[in-house]
N, C-alpha and C. Protein backbone atom coordinates (compact mmCIF):
# COMPACT_ATOMS: atom_id res chain seq x y z
N MET A 1 0.85 -1.21 0.00
CA MET A 1 0.00 0.00 0.00
C MET A 1 0.87 1.25 0.00
N HIS A 2 0.53 2.23 -0.81
CA HIS A 2 1.33 3.45 -0.96
C HIS A 2 1.21 4.31 0.29
N ASP A 3 2.35 4.74 0.84
CA ASP A 3 2.37 5.57 2.05
C ASP A 3 2.03 7.01 1.70
N LYS A 4 0.89 7.51 2.23
CA LYS A 4 0.42 8.87 1.92
C LYS A 4 1.42 9.92 2.35
N SER A 5 2.05 9.72 3.55
CA SER A 5 2.98 10.72 4.05
C SER A 5 4.20 10.82 3.16
N THR A 6 4.61 9.68 2.54
CA THR A 6 5.75 9.70 1.63
C THR A 6 5.42 10.46 0.37
N SER A 7 4.21 10.28 -0.15
CA SER A 7 3.82 10.96 -1.38
C SER A 7 3.72 12.46 -1.19
N LEU A 8 3.48 12.88 0.05
CA LEU A 8 3.35 14.31 0.32
C LEU A 8 4.70 14.99 0.50
N SER A 9 5.75 14.22 0.72
CA SER A 9 7.06 14.80 0.99
C SER A 9 7.60 15.52 -0.23
N ILE A 10 8.13 16.73 -0.01
CA ILE A 10 8.72 17.51 -1.10
C ILE A 10 9.92 16.78 -1.70
N LYS A 11 10.55 15.92 -0.92
CA LYS A 11 11.71 15.18 -1.42
C LYS A 11 11.36 14.33 -2.64
N ASN A 12 10.09 13.94 -2.75
CA ASN A 12 9.66 13.10 -3.86
C ASN A 12 9.23 13.90 -5.09
N TRP A 13 9.24 15.23 -4.97
CA TRP A 13 8.86 16.07 -6.10
C TRP A 13 10.02 16.17 -7.09
N SER A 14 9.69 16.58 -8.32
CA SER A 14 10.75 16.84 -9.30
C SER A 14 11.50 18.10 -8.88
N ASP A 15 12.74 18.25 -9.33
CA ASP A 15 13.54 19.42 -8.96
C ASP A 15 12.87 20.72 -9.36
N ASP A 16 12.11 20.68 -10.47
CA ASP A 16 11.43 21.90 -10.94
C ASP A 16 10.36 22.36 -9.96
N ASP A 17 9.87 21.43 -9.14
CA ASP A 17 8.79 21.76 -8.20
C ASP A 17 9.27 21.99 -6.78
N LYS A 18 10.47 21.54 -6.47
CA LYS A 18 11.01 21.74 -5.12
C LYS A 18 11.38 23.22 -4.94
N PRO A 19 10.85 23.87 -3.90
CA PRO A 19 11.10 25.31 -3.73
C PRO A 19 12.57 25.72 -3.73
N ARG A 20 13.41 25.02 -2.97
CA ARG A 20 14.83 25.40 -2.90
C ARG A 20 15.50 25.27 -4.26
N GLU A 21 15.30 24.13 -4.88
CA GLU A 21 15.93 23.89 -6.19
C GLU A 21 15.39 24.85 -7.24
N LYS A 22 14.10 25.13 -7.15
CA LYS A 22 13.46 26.05 -8.08
C LYS A 22 14.05 27.45 -7.96
N LEU A 23 14.31 27.88 -6.72
CA LEU A 23 14.90 29.20 -6.50
C LEU A 23 16.30 29.27 -7.10
N VAL A 24 17.10 28.23 -6.87
CA VAL A 24 18.47 28.20 -7.37
C VAL A 24 18.49 28.19 -8.90
N GLN A 25 17.62 27.40 -9.50
CA GLN A 25 17.64 27.22 -10.95
C GLN A 25 16.96 28.35 -11.71
N LYS A 26 15.87 28.90 -11.14
CA LYS A 26 15.07 29.87 -11.89
C LYS A 26 15.03 31.27 -11.28
N GLY A 27 15.53 31.42 -10.07
CA GLY A 27 15.51 32.74 -9.44
C GLY A 27 14.37 32.88 -8.45
N ARG A 28 14.56 33.74 -7.46
CA ARG A 28 13.57 33.86 -6.38
C ARG A 28 12.25 34.48 -6.82
N SER A 29 12.29 35.29 -7.89
CA SER A 29 11.07 36.00 -8.30
C SER A 29 10.00 35.06 -8.85
N VAL A 30 10.38 33.86 -9.29
CA VAL A 30 9.39 32.95 -9.87
C VAL A 30 8.65 32.14 -8.80
N LEU A 31 9.13 32.16 -7.58
CA LEU A 31 8.48 31.40 -6.53
C LEU A 31 7.25 32.11 -6.00
N SER A 32 6.24 31.34 -5.66
CA SER A 32 5.04 31.91 -5.04
C SER A 32 5.35 32.24 -3.58
N ASP A 33 4.47 33.01 -2.96
CA ASP A 33 4.65 33.33 -1.54
C ASP A 33 4.70 32.05 -0.70
N ALA A 34 3.83 31.10 -1.05
CA ALA A 34 3.78 29.84 -0.30
C ALA A 34 5.09 29.07 -0.43
N GLU A 35 5.67 29.08 -1.61
CA GLU A 35 6.94 28.38 -1.82
C GLU A 35 8.07 29.03 -1.03
N LEU A 36 8.07 30.36 -0.97
CA LEU A 36 9.10 31.05 -0.20
C LEU A 36 8.98 30.74 1.29
N ILE A 37 7.75 30.72 1.78
CA ILE A 37 7.54 30.40 3.19
C ILE A 37 7.89 28.94 3.47
N ALA A 38 7.63 28.08 2.49
CA ALA A 38 7.97 26.66 2.64
C ALA A 38 9.48 26.48 2.83
N ILE A 39 10.26 27.31 2.15
CA ILE A 39 11.71 27.26 2.33
C ILE A 39 12.08 27.65 3.76
N LEU A 40 11.37 28.63 4.30
CA LEU A 40 11.64 29.09 5.67
C LEU A 40 11.35 28.00 6.69
N ILE A 41 10.23 27.31 6.52
CA ILE A 41 9.84 26.32 7.54
C ILE A 41 10.48 24.95 7.31
N GLY A 42 10.97 24.71 6.09
CA GLY A 42 11.75 23.51 5.84
C GLY A 42 10.96 22.24 5.61
N SER A 43 9.96 22.00 6.45
CA SER A 43 9.18 20.76 6.32
C SER A 43 7.76 20.99 6.80
N GLY A 44 6.88 20.11 6.37
CA GLY A 44 5.49 20.20 6.80
C GLY A 44 5.20 19.20 7.91
N SER A 45 4.10 18.51 7.77
CA SER A 45 3.73 17.49 8.75
C SER A 45 3.46 16.18 8.01
N ARG A 46 3.03 15.16 8.72
CA ARG A 46 2.74 13.88 8.07
C ARG A 46 1.55 13.98 7.14
N SER A 47 0.70 14.97 7.37
CA SER A 47 -0.52 15.07 6.57
C SER A 47 -0.45 16.09 5.44
N GLU A 48 0.58 16.94 5.43
CA GLU A 48 0.69 17.93 4.35
C GLU A 48 2.14 18.37 4.18
N SER A 49 2.48 18.74 2.95
CA SER A 49 3.83 19.20 2.65
C SER A 49 4.05 20.61 3.19
N ALA A 50 5.30 21.06 3.15
CA ALA A 50 5.62 22.41 3.61
C ALA A 50 4.90 23.46 2.77
N VAL A 51 4.77 23.21 1.47
CA VAL A 51 4.09 24.15 0.59
C VAL A 51 2.60 24.20 0.93
N GLU A 52 2.00 23.04 1.14
CA GLU A 52 0.57 23.00 1.48
C GLU A 52 0.31 23.67 2.83
N LEU A 53 1.20 23.44 3.78
CA LEU A 53 1.08 24.09 5.09
C LEU A 53 1.20 25.60 4.94
N SER A 54 2.13 26.03 4.10
CA SER A 54 2.33 27.46 3.87
C SER A 54 1.11 28.09 3.21
N LYS A 55 0.50 27.36 2.28
CA LYS A 55 -0.72 27.85 1.63
C LYS A 55 -1.84 28.01 2.65
N ARG A 56 -1.92 27.08 3.58
CA ARG A 56 -2.97 27.14 4.60
C ARG A 56 -2.75 28.35 5.53
N ILE A 57 -1.51 28.59 5.87
CA ILE A 57 -1.19 29.74 6.73
C ILE A 57 -1.55 31.04 6.01
N LEU A 58 -1.16 31.13 4.74
CA LEU A 58 -1.45 32.33 3.96
C LEU A 58 -2.95 32.54 3.77
N ALA A 59 -3.67 31.45 3.55
CA ALA A 59 -5.13 31.55 3.36
C ALA A 59 -5.80 32.14 4.60
N SER A 60 -5.23 31.90 5.77
CA SER A 60 -5.83 32.40 7.01
C SER A 60 -5.75 33.92 7.12
N VAL A 61 -4.84 34.52 6.34
CA VAL A 61 -4.70 35.99 6.35
C VAL A 61 -5.02 36.57 4.97
N ASP A 62 -5.86 35.84 4.23
CA ASP A 62 -6.28 36.27 2.89
C ASP A 62 -5.10 36.50 1.96
N ASN A 63 -4.06 35.68 2.11
CA ASN A 63 -2.87 35.75 1.26
C ASN A 63 -2.20 37.12 1.30
N ASN A 64 -2.29 37.77 2.44
CA ASN A 64 -1.71 39.10 2.62
C ASN A 64 -0.47 38.99 3.50
N LEU A 65 0.71 39.26 2.93
CA LEU A 65 1.95 39.13 3.68
C LEU A 65 2.05 40.14 4.82
N ASN A 66 1.46 41.32 4.62
CA ASN A 66 1.47 42.31 5.69
C ASN A 66 0.70 41.80 6.91
N GLU A 67 -0.45 41.17 6.64
CA GLU A 67 -1.24 40.60 7.73
C GLU A 67 -0.49 39.44 8.39
N LEU A 68 0.20 38.66 7.58
CA LEU A 68 0.98 37.56 8.12
C LEU A 68 2.06 38.09 9.07
N GLY A 69 2.65 39.22 8.69
CA GLY A 69 3.69 39.83 9.51
C GLY A 69 3.19 40.31 10.86
N ARG A 70 1.89 40.47 11.00
CA ARG A 70 1.32 40.94 12.26
C ARG A 70 1.02 39.80 13.23
N LEU A 71 1.08 38.56 12.75
CA LEU A 71 0.80 37.42 13.62
C LEU A 71 1.93 37.24 14.63
N SER A 72 1.56 36.92 15.85
CA SER A 72 2.55 36.68 16.90
C SER A 72 3.11 35.26 16.77
N ILE A 73 4.19 35.00 17.48
CA ILE A 73 4.75 33.65 17.50
C ILE A 73 3.70 32.65 17.96
N LYS A 74 2.97 33.01 18.98
CA LYS A 74 1.94 32.12 19.53
C LYS A 74 0.86 31.84 18.50
N GLN A 75 0.45 32.87 17.75
CA GLN A 75 -0.59 32.68 16.73
C GLN A 75 -0.09 31.77 15.61
N LEU A 76 1.16 31.92 15.22
CA LEU A 76 1.73 31.06 14.17
C LEU A 76 1.80 29.61 14.65
N MET A 77 2.09 29.43 15.92
CA MET A 77 2.21 28.08 16.47
C MET A 77 0.86 27.37 16.61
N ASN A 78 -0.22 28.10 16.39
CA ASN A 78 -1.54 27.47 16.41
C ASN A 78 -1.77 26.58 15.20
N PHE A 79 -0.95 26.77 14.15
CA PHE A 79 -1.08 25.94 12.96
C PHE A 79 -0.37 24.60 13.19
N LYS A 80 -1.06 23.52 12.93
CA LYS A 80 -0.46 22.20 13.08
C LYS A 80 0.75 22.10 12.15
N GLY A 81 1.87 21.68 12.71
CA GLY A 81 3.09 21.57 11.91
C GLY A 81 4.04 22.74 12.11
N ILE A 82 3.58 23.77 12.84
CA ILE A 82 4.43 24.94 13.11
C ILE A 82 4.78 24.98 14.60
N GLY A 83 6.03 24.68 14.89
CA GLY A 83 6.53 24.79 16.26
C GLY A 83 7.18 26.15 16.46
N GLU A 84 7.80 26.32 17.60
CA GLU A 84 8.40 27.62 17.91
C GLU A 84 9.50 27.99 16.92
N ALA A 85 10.36 27.05 16.58
CA ALA A 85 11.48 27.34 15.67
C ALA A 85 10.98 27.81 14.30
N LYS A 86 9.97 27.13 13.76
CA LYS A 86 9.43 27.53 12.46
C LYS A 86 8.71 28.87 12.55
N ALA A 87 7.99 29.09 13.64
CA ALA A 87 7.29 30.36 13.83
C ALA A 87 8.27 31.51 13.91
N VAL A 88 9.37 31.30 14.61
CA VAL A 88 10.41 32.33 14.73
C VAL A 88 11.04 32.61 13.37
N SER A 89 11.26 31.57 12.57
CA SER A 89 11.84 31.76 11.23
C SER A 89 10.95 32.63 10.35
N ILE A 90 9.64 32.36 10.40
CA ILE A 90 8.69 33.16 9.61
C ILE A 90 8.68 34.60 10.09
N ALA A 91 8.58 34.79 11.40
CA ALA A 91 8.52 36.14 11.97
C ALA A 91 9.78 36.92 11.67
N ALA A 92 10.94 36.27 11.77
CA ALA A 92 12.21 36.94 11.52
C ALA A 92 12.34 37.38 10.07
N ALA A 93 11.94 36.50 9.15
CA ALA A 93 12.03 36.83 7.72
C ALA A 93 11.13 38.00 7.36
N LEU A 94 9.93 38.02 7.91
CA LEU A 94 9.00 39.11 7.62
C LEU A 94 9.47 40.41 8.25
N GLU A 95 10.12 40.33 9.40
CA GLU A 95 10.67 41.53 10.03
C GLU A 95 11.82 42.10 9.20
N VAL A 96 12.63 41.23 8.62
CA VAL A 96 13.70 41.69 7.73
C VAL A 96 13.10 42.44 6.54
N GLY A 97 12.00 41.89 6.00
CA GLY A 97 11.33 42.56 4.89
C GLY A 97 10.80 43.92 5.28
N ARG A 98 10.24 44.01 6.49
CA ARG A 98 9.72 45.30 6.97
C ARG A 98 10.85 46.30 7.12
N ARG A 99 11.98 45.87 7.66
CA ARG A 99 13.11 46.77 7.84
C ARG A 99 13.70 47.20 6.50
N ARG A 100 13.65 46.32 5.53
CA ARG A 100 14.14 46.68 4.20
C ARG A 100 13.30 47.81 3.62
N ARG A 101 11.97 47.73 3.82
CA ARG A 101 11.10 48.81 3.35
C ARG A 101 11.46 50.11 4.05
N GLY A 102 11.81 50.01 5.32
CA GLY A 102 12.18 51.19 6.08
C GLY A 102 13.45 51.83 5.55
N GLU A 103 14.40 51.01 5.13
CA GLU A 103 15.65 51.54 4.58
C GLU A 103 15.41 52.21 3.23
N ASP A 104 14.52 51.64 2.44
CA ASP A 104 14.17 52.28 1.16
C ASP A 104 13.53 53.64 1.41
N ALA A 105 12.67 53.71 2.43
CA ALA A 105 12.00 54.97 2.76
C ALA A 105 12.99 56.01 3.25
N ALA A 106 14.06 55.55 3.92
CA ALA A 106 15.05 56.48 4.45
C ALA A 106 15.80 57.22 3.34
N LYS A 107 15.73 56.69 2.13
CA LYS A 107 16.41 57.33 1.01
C LYS A 107 15.66 58.57 0.51
N ILE A 108 14.42 58.73 0.95
CA ILE A 108 13.65 59.92 0.57
C ILE A 108 14.20 61.11 1.33
N GLU A 109 14.86 62.00 0.64
CA GLU A 109 15.53 63.12 1.31
C GLU A 109 14.65 64.35 1.43
N LYS A 110 13.72 64.50 0.51
CA LYS A 110 12.91 65.71 0.47
C LYS A 110 11.43 65.34 0.34
N ILE A 111 10.60 65.97 1.17
CA ILE A 111 9.17 65.71 1.12
C ILE A 111 8.53 66.52 0.00
N GLY A 112 7.98 65.82 -0.98
CA GLY A 112 7.33 66.51 -2.08
C GLY A 112 5.83 66.29 -2.13
N SER A 113 5.37 65.32 -1.35
CA SER A 113 3.94 65.00 -1.36
C SER A 113 3.59 64.19 -0.11
N SER A 114 2.30 64.02 0.11
CA SER A 114 1.85 63.21 1.24
C SER A 114 2.30 61.76 1.08
N LYS A 115 2.43 61.31 -0.15
CA LYS A 115 2.87 59.93 -0.40
C LYS A 115 4.28 59.70 0.13
N ASP A 116 5.14 60.73 0.02
CA ASP A 116 6.50 60.61 0.56
C ASP A 116 6.47 60.39 2.07
N VAL A 117 5.58 61.10 2.74
CA VAL A 117 5.44 60.95 4.19
C VAL A 117 4.98 59.53 4.52
N TYR A 118 4.02 59.05 3.76
CA TYR A 118 3.51 57.69 3.97
C TYR A 118 4.61 56.66 3.78
N GLU A 119 5.42 56.84 2.74
CA GLU A 119 6.50 55.89 2.46
C GLU A 119 7.51 55.86 3.61
N ILE A 120 7.74 57.00 4.24
CA ILE A 120 8.69 57.07 5.35
C ILE A 120 8.13 56.43 6.62
N LEU A 121 6.87 56.69 6.90
CA LEU A 121 6.31 56.28 8.19
C LEU A 121 5.52 54.97 8.19
N GLN A 122 5.08 54.52 7.02
CA GLN A 122 4.31 53.27 6.99
C GLN A 122 5.08 52.09 7.58
N PRO A 123 6.37 51.94 7.27
CA PRO A 123 7.10 50.81 7.88
C PRO A 123 7.17 50.88 9.40
N LEU A 124 7.06 52.08 9.95
CA LEU A 124 7.11 52.26 11.40
C LEU A 124 5.75 52.08 12.06
N LEU A 125 4.70 52.50 11.35
CA LEU A 125 3.38 52.56 11.96
C LEU A 125 2.34 51.59 11.39
N GLY A 126 2.54 51.17 10.16
CA GLY A 126 1.50 50.42 9.46
C GLY A 126 1.06 49.11 10.09
N ASP A 127 1.97 48.42 10.77
CA ASP A 127 1.64 47.11 11.31
C ASP A 127 1.37 47.11 12.81
N LEU A 128 1.39 48.28 13.44
CA LEU A 128 1.20 48.34 14.89
C LEU A 128 -0.24 48.05 15.30
N GLU A 129 -0.41 47.47 16.46
CA GLU A 129 -1.75 47.18 16.98
C GLU A 129 -2.17 48.22 18.01
N HIS A 130 -1.36 49.24 18.20
CA HIS A 130 -1.70 50.36 19.10
C HIS A 130 -1.41 51.66 18.36
N GLU A 131 -1.97 52.75 18.83
CA GLU A 131 -1.75 54.05 18.18
C GLU A 131 -0.44 54.69 18.64
N GLU A 132 0.23 55.32 17.70
CA GLU A 132 1.40 56.13 18.01
C GLU A 132 1.30 57.45 17.25
N PHE A 133 1.81 58.50 17.83
CA PHE A 133 1.79 59.83 17.22
C PHE A 133 3.23 60.24 16.93
N TRP A 134 3.51 60.57 15.68
CA TRP A 134 4.87 60.92 15.25
C TRP A 134 4.88 62.30 14.60
N ILE A 135 6.07 62.88 14.56
CA ILE A 135 6.24 64.18 13.90
C ILE A 135 7.51 64.16 13.06
N LEU A 136 7.40 64.70 11.86
CA LEU A 136 8.57 64.94 11.01
C LEU A 136 8.92 66.41 11.12
N PHE A 137 10.18 66.71 11.38
CA PHE A 137 10.66 68.08 11.45
C PHE A 137 11.44 68.38 10.18
N LEU A 138 11.04 69.45 9.48
CA LEU A 138 11.63 69.78 8.17
C LEU A 138 12.37 71.11 8.20
N ASN A 139 13.33 71.25 7.26
CA ASN A 139 13.99 72.55 7.10
C ASN A 139 13.29 73.33 6.00
N ASN A 140 13.91 74.43 5.57
CA ASN A 140 13.25 75.28 4.58
C ASN A 140 13.24 74.69 3.17
N SER A 141 13.92 73.56 2.99
CA SER A 141 13.90 72.87 1.70
C SER A 141 13.02 71.62 1.75
N ASN A 142 12.26 71.51 2.83
CA ASN A 142 11.39 70.34 3.05
C ASN A 142 12.16 69.04 3.20
N LYS A 143 13.41 69.14 3.63
CA LYS A 143 14.19 67.95 3.93
C LYS A 143 13.94 67.56 5.39
N VAL A 144 13.89 66.27 5.63
CA VAL A 144 13.60 65.78 6.98
C VAL A 144 14.84 65.92 7.86
N LEU A 145 14.72 66.74 8.89
CA LEU A 145 15.81 66.91 9.85
C LEU A 145 15.78 65.81 10.91
N HIS A 146 14.57 65.42 11.26
CA HIS A 146 14.42 64.46 12.36
C HIS A 146 12.99 63.94 12.37
N LYS A 147 12.81 62.71 12.79
CA LYS A 147 11.47 62.18 13.03
C LYS A 147 11.42 61.66 14.46
N ALA A 148 10.29 61.89 15.12
CA ALA A 148 10.21 61.53 16.54
C ALA A 148 8.83 61.03 16.92
N GLN A 149 8.82 60.05 17.81
CA GLN A 149 7.56 59.57 18.38
C GLN A 149 7.20 60.49 19.54
N LEU A 150 5.99 61.02 19.51
CA LEU A 150 5.56 61.94 20.56
C LEU A 150 4.71 61.27 21.62
N SER A 151 3.91 60.31 21.22
CA SER A 151 3.09 59.59 22.20
C SER A 151 2.78 58.19 21.69
N LYS A 152 2.35 57.36 22.62
CA LYS A 152 2.05 55.97 22.31
C LYS A 152 0.81 55.54 23.07
N GLY A 153 -0.14 54.96 22.37
CA GLY A 153 -1.32 54.44 23.03
C GLY A 153 -2.58 55.23 22.83
N GLY A 154 -2.47 56.42 22.27
CA GLY A 154 -3.68 57.22 22.04
C GLY A 154 -3.33 58.59 21.52
N ILE A 155 -4.34 59.34 21.09
CA ILE A 155 -4.10 60.67 20.55
C ILE A 155 -5.09 61.64 21.17
N THR A 156 -4.78 62.06 22.37
CA THR A 156 -5.63 63.03 23.06
C THR A 156 -4.78 64.21 23.48
N GLY A 157 -5.44 65.27 23.85
CA GLY A 157 -4.71 66.46 24.25
C GLY A 157 -3.80 66.23 25.44
N THR A 158 -4.15 65.27 26.29
CA THR A 158 -3.33 65.01 27.47
C THR A 158 -2.09 64.20 27.13
N LEU A 159 -2.15 63.40 26.06
CA LEU A 159 -1.01 62.57 25.68
C LEU A 159 -0.05 63.29 24.74
N VAL A 160 -0.54 64.22 23.96
CA VAL A 160 0.30 64.96 23.03
C VAL A 160 0.61 66.32 23.64
N ASP A 161 1.85 66.50 24.07
CA ASP A 161 2.27 67.75 24.71
C ASP A 161 2.79 68.71 23.65
N VAL A 162 2.03 69.74 23.36
CA VAL A 162 2.39 70.70 22.32
C VAL A 162 3.70 71.41 22.65
N ARG A 163 3.97 71.63 23.92
CA ARG A 163 5.20 72.31 24.31
C ARG A 163 6.44 71.52 23.90
N ILE A 164 6.35 70.19 24.00
CA ILE A 164 7.47 69.35 23.60
C ILE A 164 7.71 69.46 22.10
N VAL A 165 6.62 69.52 21.34
CA VAL A 165 6.72 69.65 19.88
C VAL A 165 7.44 70.94 19.52
N MET A 166 7.01 72.05 20.13
CA MET A 166 7.60 73.34 19.82
C MET A 166 9.07 73.41 20.26
N LYS A 167 9.36 72.83 21.40
CA LYS A 167 10.74 72.83 21.92
C LYS A 167 11.66 72.09 20.97
N GLN A 168 11.22 70.91 20.50
CA GLN A 168 12.04 70.14 19.57
C GLN A 168 12.23 70.87 18.25
N ALA A 169 11.17 71.49 17.76
CA ALA A 169 11.25 72.22 16.50
C ALA A 169 12.27 73.35 16.59
N LEU A 170 12.25 74.09 17.68
CA LEU A 170 13.18 75.21 17.86
C LEU A 170 14.61 74.71 18.02
N GLU A 171 14.80 73.64 18.75
CA GLU A 171 16.15 73.09 18.94
C GLU A 171 16.75 72.59 17.63
N LEU A 172 15.90 72.07 16.76
CA LEU A 172 16.36 71.54 15.47
C LEU A 172 16.47 72.61 14.40
N GLY A 173 15.93 73.79 14.68
CA GLY A 173 15.90 74.84 13.67
C GLY A 173 14.90 74.52 12.57
N SER A 174 13.87 73.78 12.92
CA SER A 174 12.85 73.38 11.95
C SER A 174 11.87 74.51 11.70
N ILE A 175 11.51 74.72 10.44
CA ILE A 175 10.53 75.76 10.12
C ILE A 175 9.19 75.17 9.70
N ALA A 176 9.13 73.84 9.63
CA ALA A 176 7.87 73.18 9.25
C ALA A 176 7.82 71.79 9.87
N ILE A 177 6.62 71.35 10.17
CA ILE A 177 6.44 70.02 10.74
C ILE A 177 5.28 69.30 10.05
N ILE A 178 5.34 67.99 10.10
CA ILE A 178 4.26 67.16 9.58
C ILE A 178 3.86 66.18 10.68
N LEU A 179 2.59 66.15 10.99
CA LEU A 179 2.06 65.27 12.03
C LEU A 179 1.61 63.96 11.40
N ALA A 180 1.67 62.90 12.16
CA ALA A 180 1.20 61.60 11.65
C ALA A 180 0.88 60.67 12.81
N HIS A 181 -0.16 59.89 12.63
CA HIS A 181 -0.45 58.83 13.59
C HIS A 181 -1.15 57.70 12.84
N ASN A 182 -1.20 56.55 13.46
CA ASN A 182 -1.80 55.39 12.81
C ASN A 182 -3.15 55.05 13.40
N HIS A 183 -3.96 54.38 12.59
CA HIS A 183 -5.24 53.83 13.04
C HIS A 183 -5.17 52.31 12.88
N PRO A 184 -4.88 51.56 13.94
CA PRO A 184 -4.79 50.10 13.84
C PRO A 184 -6.06 49.45 13.29
N SER A 185 -7.19 50.11 13.48
CA SER A 185 -8.47 49.57 13.00
C SER A 185 -8.56 49.56 11.48
N GLY A 186 -7.73 50.37 10.84
CA GLY A 186 -7.75 50.45 9.38
C GLY A 186 -8.63 51.57 8.84
N THR A 187 -9.39 52.22 9.71
CA THR A 187 -10.24 53.32 9.24
C THR A 187 -9.41 54.54 8.91
N LEU A 188 -9.81 55.22 7.84
CA LEU A 188 -9.08 56.41 7.40
C LEU A 188 -9.84 57.70 7.70
N ARG A 189 -10.87 57.59 8.49
CA ARG A 189 -11.66 58.78 8.82
C ARG A 189 -11.10 59.44 10.08
N PRO A 190 -10.75 60.74 10.02
CA PRO A 190 -10.22 61.42 11.21
C PRO A 190 -11.29 61.58 12.29
N SER A 191 -10.91 61.36 13.52
CA SER A 191 -11.83 61.52 14.64
C SER A 191 -11.86 62.97 15.08
N ALA A 192 -12.78 63.29 15.98
CA ALA A 192 -12.84 64.65 16.53
C ALA A 192 -11.54 64.97 17.26
N ALA A 193 -10.98 63.98 17.97
CA ALA A 193 -9.72 64.18 18.69
C ALA A 193 -8.57 64.45 17.72
N ASP A 194 -8.58 63.76 16.57
CA ASP A 194 -7.55 63.99 15.55
C ASP A 194 -7.57 65.44 15.08
N LYS A 195 -8.76 65.93 14.83
CA LYS A 195 -8.91 67.31 14.34
C LYS A 195 -8.54 68.32 15.42
N GLN A 196 -8.91 68.03 16.65
CA GLN A 196 -8.63 68.96 17.75
C GLN A 196 -7.14 69.11 18.01
N ILE A 197 -6.40 68.00 18.05
CA ILE A 197 -4.97 68.09 18.32
C ILE A 197 -4.24 68.74 17.15
N THR A 198 -4.73 68.51 15.94
CA THR A 198 -4.14 69.16 14.76
C THR A 198 -4.27 70.67 14.88
N GLN A 199 -5.44 71.13 15.21
CA GLN A 199 -5.68 72.56 15.35
C GLN A 199 -4.88 73.15 16.51
N LYS A 200 -4.78 72.41 17.59
CA LYS A 200 -4.04 72.87 18.77
C LYS A 200 -2.57 73.09 18.44
N ILE A 201 -1.97 72.13 17.73
CA ILE A 201 -0.56 72.25 17.35
C ILE A 201 -0.38 73.33 16.30
N LYS A 202 -1.32 73.45 15.39
CA LYS A 202 -1.23 74.46 14.34
C LYS A 202 -1.24 75.87 14.94
N VAL A 203 -2.13 76.13 15.88
CA VAL A 203 -2.22 77.45 16.52
C VAL A 203 -0.93 77.77 17.26
N ALA A 204 -0.40 76.79 18.00
CA ALA A 204 0.84 77.01 18.74
C ALA A 204 2.02 77.24 17.79
N SER A 205 2.03 76.53 16.68
CA SER A 205 3.12 76.66 15.71
C SER A 205 3.15 78.03 15.06
N GLU A 206 1.98 78.55 14.77
CA GLU A 206 1.89 79.85 14.10
C GLU A 206 2.52 80.97 14.92
N THR A 207 2.46 80.88 16.23
CA THR A 207 3.05 81.92 17.09
C THR A 207 4.57 81.92 16.99
N LEU A 208 5.15 80.81 16.52
CA LEU A 208 6.60 80.70 16.39
C LEU A 208 7.04 80.65 14.93
N ASP A 209 6.12 81.00 14.03
CA ASP A 209 6.39 80.98 12.59
C ASP A 209 6.83 79.61 12.09
N ILE A 210 6.25 78.59 12.66
CA ILE A 210 6.49 77.21 12.21
C ILE A 210 5.22 76.71 11.53
N LYS A 211 5.37 76.16 10.34
CA LYS A 211 4.21 75.72 9.58
C LYS A 211 3.88 74.24 9.85
N VAL A 212 2.61 73.97 9.99
CA VAL A 212 2.14 72.58 10.02
C VAL A 212 1.70 72.25 8.59
N LEU A 213 2.51 71.47 7.89
CA LEU A 213 2.24 71.21 6.48
C LEU A 213 1.17 70.14 6.24
N ASP A 214 1.06 69.20 7.16
CA ASP A 214 0.10 68.12 6.94
C ASP A 214 -0.06 67.30 8.22
N HIS A 215 -1.10 66.50 8.23
CA HIS A 215 -1.31 65.49 9.27
C HIS A 215 -1.82 64.25 8.56
N LEU A 216 -1.08 63.17 8.67
CA LEU A 216 -1.46 61.93 8.01
C LEU A 216 -1.99 60.90 9.00
N ILE A 217 -3.05 60.23 8.59
CA ILE A 217 -3.52 59.05 9.30
C ILE A 217 -3.03 57.86 8.48
N ILE A 218 -2.28 56.99 9.11
CA ILE A 218 -1.62 55.90 8.40
C ILE A 218 -2.22 54.55 8.80
N THR A 219 -2.52 53.74 7.79
CA THR A 219 -2.94 52.37 8.04
C THR A 219 -2.00 51.45 7.28
N GLN A 220 -2.25 50.18 7.39
CA GLN A 220 -1.38 49.21 6.75
C GLN A 220 -1.30 49.39 5.24
N LYS A 221 -2.44 49.73 4.62
CA LYS A 221 -2.49 49.75 3.17
C LYS A 221 -2.64 51.14 2.55
N SER A 222 -3.00 52.13 3.34
CA SER A 222 -3.26 53.44 2.74
C SER A 222 -3.08 54.55 3.78
N TYR A 223 -3.48 55.75 3.40
CA TYR A 223 -3.35 56.89 4.31
C TYR A 223 -4.38 57.96 4.00
N TYR A 224 -4.57 58.85 4.96
CA TYR A 224 -5.45 60.00 4.80
C TYR A 224 -4.62 61.23 5.08
N SER A 225 -4.68 62.22 4.18
CA SER A 225 -3.91 63.45 4.34
C SER A 225 -4.84 64.63 4.59
N PHE A 226 -4.64 65.31 5.73
CA PHE A 226 -5.43 66.50 6.03
C PHE A 226 -5.21 67.57 4.95
N ALA A 227 -3.97 67.71 4.49
CA ALA A 227 -3.67 68.72 3.48
C ALA A 227 -4.33 68.39 2.15
N ASP A 228 -4.23 67.14 1.73
CA ASP A 228 -4.84 66.73 0.46
C ASP A 228 -6.35 66.91 0.49
N GLU A 229 -6.94 66.69 1.65
CA GLU A 229 -8.40 66.81 1.78
C GLU A 229 -8.82 68.24 2.13
N LYS A 230 -7.82 69.12 2.24
CA LYS A 230 -8.06 70.56 2.49
C LYS A 230 -8.83 70.82 3.78
N ILE A 231 -8.48 70.08 4.83
CA ILE A 231 -9.12 70.34 6.13
C ILE A 231 -8.09 70.75 7.18
N LEU A 232 -6.88 71.07 6.71
CA LEU A 232 -5.83 71.48 7.65
C LEU A 232 -6.04 72.92 8.09
């Protein structure tokens, strides 16, 4: 009788179908997401191959790698066939990818649009499960002098200290700032609190001749710009 677990083993596949061999022979770009993850985990279980297990994991997050990157080690280990070592391998690889995006964003020297701001801050804020408030400090050429986290966990007048914002801007010699925070829920609609803190910082900035150029709400896949929507 034919052993089902043997037939499922990647070792029995042709070289053209084996993920590792396929990558070496044809290049990494031809591999599917499931095949790349299969290389990370190395093996599946007695009931499914590494590729089939990877497909099942991806299906649980609608085949979205960004969503996969948000899963904790514990959540990954809920899949049969994924132990701690395999879960750590997946998490580490996706974190490397996130950091690579961050390095690409760091190459943006001058802010020319709201999209530039999103490209810089999405790697920092897009995958978070809590809110953070950040500020970009710019010079007179719209080059980023510094970026800083101002608060974590919420965006209220008590958590965002306008005096700290102004102090940092003056110390850096910044003449313009851009506000940004994330919405873990994915909604791109500004709340009343979002609008209030924007106005509060804008009024304080004007007394020091510092411009508030924009306020972005950042989610995993998109963003909302106060300036683009003309509500700044």
